[in-house]
PDB file of N, CA and C in Angstrom:
ATOM      1  N   MET A   1       0.844  -1.197   0.000  1.00  0.00           N
ATOM      2  CA  MET A   1       0.000   0.000   0.000  1.00  0.00           C
ATOM      3  C   MET A   1       0.873   1.238   0.000  1.00  0.00           C
ATOM      4  N   SER A   2       0.375   2.257  -0.579  1.00  0.00           N
ATOM      5  CA  SER A   2       1.137   3.501  -0.579  1.00  0.00           C
ATOM      6  C   SER A   2       0.931   4.228   0.735  1.00  0.00           C
ATOM      7  N   HIS A   3       1.781   5.200   0.973  1.00  0.00           N
ATOM      8  CA  HIS A   3       1.706   6.000   2.191  1.00  0.00           C
ATOM      9  C   HIS A   3       0.335   6.637   2.334  1.00  0.00           C
ATOM     10  N   ASP A   4      -0.223   7.184   1.259  1.00  0.00           N
ATOM     11  CA  ASP A   4      -1.505   7.886   1.332  1.00  0.00           C
ATOM     12  C   ASP A   4      -2.653   6.966   1.717  1.00  0.00           C
ATOM     13  N   GLU A   5      -2.577   5.682   1.357  1.00  0.00           N
ATOM     14  CA  GLU A   5      -3.652   4.755   1.669  1.00  0.00           C
ATOM     15  C   GLU A   5      -3.643   4.324   3.133  1.00  0.00           C
ATOM     16  N   THR A   6      -2.491   4.372   3.783  1.00  0.00           N
ATOM     17  CA  THR A   6      -2.389   3.805   5.122  1.00  0.00           C
ATOM     18  C   THR A   6      -2.229   4.820   6.233  1.00  0.00           C
ATOM     19  N   CYS A   7      -1.875   6.049   5.923  1.00  0.00           N
ATOM     20  CA  CYS A   7      -1.504   6.970   6.986  1.00  0.00           C
ATOM     21  C   CYS A   7      -1.998   8.389   6.713  1.00  0.00           C
ATOM     22  N   ASN A   8      -2.445   9.046   7.766  1.00  0.00           N
ATOM     23  CA  ASN A   8      -2.852  10.455   7.684  1.00  0.00           C
ATOM     24  C   ASN A   8      -1.961  11.314   8.556  1.00  0.00           C
ATOM     25  N   CYS A   9      -0.671  10.990   8.636  1.00  0.00           N
ATOM     26  CA  CYS A   9       0.187  11.734   9.551  1.00  0.00           C
ATOM     27  C   CYS A   9       0.315  13.198   9.142  1.00  0.00           C
ATOM     28  N   ASN A  10       0.059  13.507   7.883  1.00  0.00           N
ATOM     29  CA  ASN A  10       0.091  14.911   7.459  1.00  0.00           C
ATOM     30  C   ASN A  10      -1.029  15.704   8.106  1.00  0.00           C
ATOM     31  N   GLU A  11      -2.082  15.010   8.534  1.00  0.00           N
ATOM     32  CA  GLU A  11      -3.214  15.647   9.198  1.00  0.00           C
ATOM     33  C   GLU A  11      -3.095  15.571  10.717  1.00  0.00           C
ATOM     34  N   GLY A  12      -1.974  15.044  11.203  1.00  0.00           N
ATOM     35  CA  GLY A  12      -1.722  15.041  12.633  1.00  0.00           C
ATOM     36  C   GLY A  12      -1.897  13.722  13.345  1.00  0.00           C
ATOM     37  N   SER A  13      -2.373  12.676  12.654  1.00  0.00           N
ATOM     38  CA  SER A  13      -2.515  11.397  13.341  1.00  0.00           C
ATOM     39  C   SER A  13      -2.237  10.250  12.386  1.00  0.00           C
ATOM     40  N   CYS A  14      -1.585   9.238  12.899  1.00  0.00           N
ATOM     41  CA  CYS A  14      -1.245   8.066  12.095  1.00  0.00           C
ATOM     42  C   CYS A  14      -2.440   7.130  12.067  1.00  0.00           C
ATOM     43  N   LYS A  15      -2.801   6.644  10.909  1.00  0.00           N
ATOM     44  CA  LYS A  15      -3.924   5.720  10.757  1.00  0.00           C
ATOM     45  C   LYS A  15      -3.467   4.299  10.477  1.00  0.00           C
ATOM     46  N   CYS A  16      -2.167   4.065  10.504  1.00  0.00           N
ATOM     47  CA  CYS A  16      -1.669   2.716  10.236  1.00  0.00           C
ATOM     48  C   CYS A  16      -2.066   1.795  11.388  1.00  0.00           C
ATOM     49  N   GLU A  17      -2.431   0.567  11.068  1.00  0.00           N
ATOM     50  CA  GLU A  17      -2.896  -0.389  12.077  1.00  0.00           C
ATOM     51  C   GLU A  17      -1.795  -0.764  13.051  1.00  0.00           C
ATOM     52  N   ASP A  18      -0.652  -1.183  12.548  1.00  0.00           N
ATOM     53  CA  ASP A  18       0.459  -1.610  13.394  1.00  0.00           C
ATOM     54  C   ASP A  18       1.683  -0.828  12.975  1.00  0.00           C
ATOM     55  N   THR A  19       1.971   0.264  13.702  1.00  0.00           N
ATOM     56  CA  THR A  19       3.045   1.155  13.277  1.00  0.00           C
ATOM     57  C   THR A  19       4.412   0.503  13.337  1.00  0.00           C
ATOM     58  N   GLN A  20       4.602  -0.533  14.158  1.00  0.00           N
ATOM     59  CA  GLN A  20       5.904  -1.185  14.222  1.00  0.00           C
ATOM     60  C   GLN A  20       6.232  -1.910  12.927  1.00  0.00           C
ATOM     61  N   ASP A  21       5.249  -2.540  12.311  1.00  0.00           N
ATOM     62  CA  ASP A  21       5.485  -3.315  11.106  1.00  0.00           C
ATOM     63  C   ASP A  21       5.077  -2.587   9.839  1.00  0.00           C
ATOM     64  N   CYS A  22       4.707  -1.330   9.959  1.00  0.00           N
ATOM     65  CA  CYS A  22       4.253  -0.557   8.811  1.00  0.00           C
ATOM     66  C   CYS A  22       5.428  -0.209   7.893  1.00  0.00           C
ATOM     67  N   ASN A  23       5.176  -0.213   6.616  1.00  0.00           N
ATOM     68  CA  ASN A  23       6.198   0.150   5.633  1.00  0.00           C
ATOM     69  C   ASN A  23       5.796   1.376   4.831  1.00  0.00           C
ATOM     70  N   CYS A  24       4.936   2.223   5.376  1.00  0.00           N
ATOM     71  CA  CYS A  24       4.462   3.359   4.590  1.00  0.00           C
ATOM     72  C   CYS A  24       5.531   4.433   4.441  1.00  0.00           C
ATOM     73  N   GLY A  25       6.555   4.408   5.284  1.00  0.00           N
ATOM     74  CA  GLY A  25       7.682   5.321   5.109  1.00  0.00           C
ATOM     75  C   GLY A  25       7.573   6.647   5.825  1.00  0.00           C
ATOM     76  N   CYS A  26       6.530   6.870   6.601  1.00  0.00           N
ATOM     77  CA  CYS A  26       6.408   8.165   7.276  1.00  0.00           C
ATOM     78  C   CYS A  26       7.144   8.141   8.611  1.00  0.00           C
ATOM     79  N   GLU A  27       7.425   9.326   9.141  1.00  0.00           N
ATOM     80  CA  GLU A  27       8.167   9.420  10.399  1.00  0.00           C
ATOM     81  C   GLU A  27       7.381   8.884  11.577  1.00  0.00           C
ATOM     82  N   CYS A  28       6.065   9.043  11.585  1.00  0.00           N
ATOM     83  CA  CYS A  28       5.287   8.585  12.739  1.00  0.00           C
ATOM     84  C   CYS A  28       5.252   7.072  12.848  1.00  0.00           C
ATOM     85  N   CYS A  29       5.614   6.377  11.790  1.00  0.00           N
ATOM     86  CA  CYS A  29       5.626   4.910  11.815  1.00  0.00           C
ATOM     87  C   CYS A  29       7.021   4.362  12.034  1.00  0.00           C
ATOM     88  N   GLY A  30       7.943   5.212  12.429  1.00  0.00           N
ATOM     89  CA  GLY A  30       9.256   4.751  12.816  1.00  0.00           C
ATOM     90  C   GLY A  30      10.331   4.872  11.766  1.00  0.00           C
ATOM     91  N   ASP A  31      10.013   5.296  10.574  1.00  0.00           N
ATOM     92  CA  ASP A  31      11.035   5.418   9.541  1.00  0.00           C
ATOM     93  C   ASP A  31      11.558   6.849   9.535  1.00  0.00           C
ATOM     94  N   ASP A  32      12.354   7.166  10.559  1.00  0.00           N
ATOM     95  CA  ASP A  32      12.881   8.525  10.671  1.00  0.00           C
ATOM     96  C   ASP A  32      14.315   8.617  10.184  1.00  0.00           C
ATOM     97  N   GLY A  33      14.773   7.603   9.472  1.00  0.00           N
ATOM     98  CA  GLY A  33      16.124   7.616   8.942  1.00  0.00           C
ATOM     99  C   GLY A  33      17.161   7.071   9.889  1.00  0.00           C
ATOM    100  N   HIS A  34      16.759   6.718  11.103  1.00  0.00           N
ATOM    101  CA  HIS A  34      17.691   6.170  12.086  1.00  0.00           C
ATOM    102  C   HIS A  34      17.545   4.658  12.128  1.00  0.00           C
ATOM    103  N   LEU A  35      18.603   4.011  12.536  1.00  0.00           N
ATOM    104  CA  LEU A  35      18.602   2.569  12.689  1.00  0.00           C
ATOM    105  C   LEU A  35      17.611   2.152  13.761  1.00  0.00           C
ATOM    106  N   GLN A  36      16.742   1.214  13.428  1.00  0.00           N
ATOM    107  CA  GLN A  36      15.838   0.668  14.424  1.00  0.00           C
ATOM    108  C   GLN A  36      16.478  -0.587  14.986  1.00  0.00           C
ATOM    109  N   ARG A  37      16.673  -0.584  16.297  1.00  0.00           N
ATOM    110  CA  ARG A  37      17.322  -1.714  16.946  1.00  0.00           C
ATOM    111  C   ARG A  37      16.420  -2.933  16.913  1.00  0.00           C
ATOM    112  N   ARG A  38      17.009  -4.090  16.680  1.00  0.00           N
ATOM    113  CA  ARG A  38      16.271  -5.340  16.666  1.00  0.00           C
ATOM    114  C   ARG A  38      16.566  -6.187  17.894  1.00  0.00           C
ATOM    115  N   TYR A  39      17.661  -5.908  18.548  1.00  0.00           N
ATOM    116  CA  TYR A  39      18.094  -6.717  19.686  1.00  0.00           C
ATOM    117  C   TYR A  39      18.219  -5.853  20.926  1.00  0.00           C
ATOM    118  N   GLN A  40      18.014  -6.494  22.071  1.00  0.00           N
ATOM    119  CA  GLN A  40      18.159  -5.811  23.353  1.00  0.00           C
ATOM    120  C   GLN A  40      19.320  -6.435  24.111  1.00  0.00           C
ATOM    121  N   THR A  41      19.930  -5.605  24.935  1.00  0.00           N
ATOM    122  CA  THR A  41      20.970  -6.148  25.807  1.00  0.00           C
ATOM    123  C   THR A  41      20.296  -7.016  26.870  1.00  0.00           C
ATOM    124  N   LYS A  42      21.081  -7.802  27.547  1.00  0.00           N
ATOM    125  CA  LYS A  42      20.554  -8.652  28.613  1.00  0.00           C
ATOM    126  C   LYS A  42      19.875  -7.804  29.685  1.00  0.00           C
ATOM    127  N   GLU A  43      20.497  -6.689  30.039  1.00  0.00           N
ATOM    128  CA  GLU A  43      19.924  -5.796  31.059  1.00  0.00           C
ATOM    129  C   GLU A  43      18.590  -5.210  30.582  1.00  0.00           C
ATOM    130  N   GLU A  44      18.496  -4.832  29.314  1.00  0.00           N
ATOM    131  CA  GLU A  44      17.240  -4.312  28.771  1.00  0.00           C
ATOM    132  C   GLU A  44      16.154  -5.384  28.791  1.00  0.00           C
ATOM    133  N   GLN A  45      16.511  -6.616  28.466  1.00  0.00           N
ATOM    134  CA  GLN A  45      15.543  -7.708  28.501  1.00  0.00           C
ATOM    135  C   GLN A  45      15.036  -7.939  29.916  1.00  0.00           C
ATOM    136  N   ILE A  46      15.936  -7.926  30.884  1.00  0.00           N
ATOM    137  CA  ILE A  46      15.552  -8.118  32.282  1.00  0.00           C
ATOM    138  C   ILE A  46      14.616  -6.996  32.726  1.00  0.00           C
ATOM    139  N   THR A  47      14.960  -5.763  32.415  1.00  0.00           N
ATOM    140  CA  THR A  47      14.128  -4.614  32.791  1.00  0.00           C
ATOM    141  C   THR A  47      12.741  -4.721  32.170  1.00  0.00           C
ATOM    142  N   PHE A  48      12.700  -5.052  30.875  1.00  0.00           N
ATOM    143  CA  PHE A  48      11.415  -5.187  30.192  1.00  0.00           C
ATOM    144  C   PHE A  48      10.567  -6.286  30.835  1.00  0.00           C
ATOM    145  N   LEU A  49      11.180  -7.441  31.084  1.00  0.00           N
ATOM    146  CA  LEU A  49      10.429  -8.556  31.654  1.00  0.00           C
ATOM    147  C   LEU A  49       9.965  -8.268  33.075  1.00  0.00           C
ATOM    148  N   GLU A  50      10.767  -7.536  33.848  1.00  0.00           N
ATOM    149  CA  GLU A  50      10.340  -7.155  35.200  1.00  0.00           C
ATOM    150  C   GLU A  50       9.137  -6.222  35.140  1.00  0.00           C
ATOM    151  N   MET A  51       9.161  -5.262  34.226  1.00  0.00           N
ATOM    152  CA  MET A  51       8.015  -4.350  34.068  1.00  0.00           C
ATOM    153  C   MET A  51       6.790  -5.120  33.591  1.00  0.00           C
ATOM    154  N   TYR A  52       6.983  -6.022  32.654  1.00  0.00           N
ATOM    155  CA  TYR A  52       5.890  -6.825  32.129  1.00  0.00           C
ATOM    156  C   TYR A  52       5.273  -7.681  33.243  1.00  0.00           C
ATOM    157  N   LEU A  53       6.115  -8.290  34.073  1.00  0.00           N
ATOM    158  CA  LEU A  53       5.638  -9.089  35.194  1.00  0.00           C
ATOM    159  C   LEU A  53       4.825  -8.233  36.169  1.00  0.00           C
ATOM    160  N   SER A  54       5.287  -7.022  36.432  1.00  0.00           N
ATOM    161  CA  SER A  54       4.545  -6.097  37.316  1.00  0.00           C
ATOM    162  C   SER A  54       3.165  -5.810  36.756  1.00  0.00           C
ATOM    163  N   GLU A  55       3.114  -5.555  35.459  1.00  0.00           N
ATOM    164  CA  GLU A  55       1.826  -5.269  34.816  1.00  0.00           C
ATOM    165  C   GLU A  55       0.906  -6.480  34.875  1.00  0.00           C
ATOM    166  N   LEU A  56       1.462  -7.662  34.661  1.00  0.00           N
ATOM    167  CA  LEU A  56       0.649  -8.879  34.738  1.00  0.00           C
ATOM    168  C   LEU A  56       0.102  -9.085  36.144  1.00  0.00           C
ATOM    169  N   LYS A  57       0.921  -8.836  37.156  1.00  0.00           N
ATOM    170  CA  LYS A  57       0.465  -8.976  38.544  1.00  0.00           C
ATOM    171  C   LYS A  57      -0.671  -8.008  38.849  1.00  0.00           C
ATOM    172  N   LEU A  58      -0.557  -6.783  38.340  1.00  0.00           N
ATOM    173  CA  LEU A  58      -1.630  -5.808  38.537  1.00  0.00           C
ATOM    174  C   LEU A  58      -2.902  -6.245  37.816  1.00  0.00           C
ATOM    175  N   GLU A  59      -2.751  -6.835  36.655  1.00  0.00           N
ATOM    176  CA  GLU A  59      -3.912  -7.329  35.905  1.00  0.00           C
ATOM    177  C   GLU A  59      -4.594  -8.461  36.669  1.00  0.00           C
ATOM    178  N   VAL A  60      -3.801  -9.380  37.222  1.00  0.00           N
ATOM    179  CA  VAL A  60      -4.362 -10.475  38.019  1.00  0.00           C
ATOM    180  C   VAL A  60      -5.115  -9.904  39.219  1.00  0.00           C
ATOM    181  N   GLN A  61      -4.524  -8.938  39.886  1.00  0.00           N
ATOM    182  CA  GLN A  61      -5.179  -8.310  41.042  1.00  0.00           C
ATOM    183  C   GLN A  61      -6.505  -7.680  40.629  1.00  0.00           C
ATOM    184  N   ALA A  62      -6.511  -6.987  39.500  1.00  0.00           N
ATOM    185  CA  ALA A  62      -7.735  -6.333  39.038  1.00  0.00           C
ATOM    186  C   ALA A  62      -8.811  -7.363  38.699  1.00  0.00           C
ATOM    187  N   VAL A  63      -8.429  -8.457  38.076  1.00  0.00           N
ATOM    188  CA  VAL A  63      -9.391  -9.511  37.747  1.00  0.00           C
ATOM    189  C   VAL A  63      -9.939 -10.136  39.019  1.00  0.00           C
ATOM    190  N   GLU A  64      -9.085 -10.395  39.993  1.00  0.00           N
ATOM    191  CA  GLU A  64      -9.538 -10.960  41.269  1.00  0.00           C
ATOM    192  C   GLU A  64     -10.514 -10.028  41.964  1.00  0.00           C
ATOM    193  N   GLU A  65     -10.225  -8.721  41.957  1.00  0.00           N
ATOM    194  CA  GLU A  65     -11.130  -7.746  42.572  1.00  0.00           C
ATOM    195  C   GLU A  65     -12.460  -7.708  41.843  1.00  0.00           C
ATOM    196  N   HIS A  66     -12.404  -7.755  40.526  1.00  0.00           N
ATOM    197  CA  HIS A  66     -13.625  -7.723  39.727  1.00  0.00           C
ATOM    198  C   HIS A  66     -14.472  -8.964  39.998  1.00  0.00           C
ATOM    199  N   LEU A  67     -13.840 -10.114  40.065  1.00  0.00           N
ATOM    200  CA  LEU A  67     -14.560 -11.348  40.394  1.00  0.00           C
ATOM    201  C   LEU A  67     -15.190 -11.262  41.782  1.00  0.00           C
ATOM    202  N   ALA A  68     -14.442 -10.738  42.743  1.00  0.00           N
ATOM    203  CA  ALA A  68     -14.980 -10.606  44.098  1.00  0.00           C
ATOM    204  C   ALA A  68     -16.212  -9.703  44.108  1.00  0.00           C
ATOM    205  N   ASP A  69     -16.167  -8.601  43.360  1.00  0.00           N
ATOM    206  CA  ASP A  69     -17.318  -7.699  43.288  1.00  0.00           C
ATOM    207  C   ASP A  69     -18.518  -8.394  42.633  1.00  0.00           C
ATOM    208  N   LEU A  70     -18.257  -9.166  41.603  1.00  0.00           N
ATOM    209  CA  LEU A  70     -19.352  -9.853  40.916  1.00  0.00           C
ATOM    210  C   LEU A  70     -19.998 -10.923  41.782  1.00  0.00           C
ATOM    211  N   ARG A  71     -19.220 -11.520  42.658  1.00  0.00           N
ATOM    212  CA  ARG A  71     -19.719 -12.588  43.526  1.00  0.00           C
ATOM    213  C   ARG A  71     -20.514 -12.067  44.712  1.00  0.00           C
ATOM    214  N   LYS A  72     -20.481 -10.771  44.979  1.00  0.00           N
ATOM    215  CA  LYS A  72     -21.224 -10.179  46.119  1.00  0.00           C
ATOM    216  C   LYS A  72     -22.716 -10.220  45.876  1.00  0.00           C
TER     217      LYS A  72
END
């Protein structure tokens, strides 16, 4: 698809479905002329996974609270 079919970044907002995998070539979809990293250092992976685990724990807590409210 061409840039015009997938993106309205000229109007202030990107309309592409998945900007990470988009190939429309606009800056809002990540093609700003800089190298996009594909790999993370071990420390970056650990940090990401720790944050992800925190978010999952909060999600579990929210689901448990919601279930408790529904059971009342």
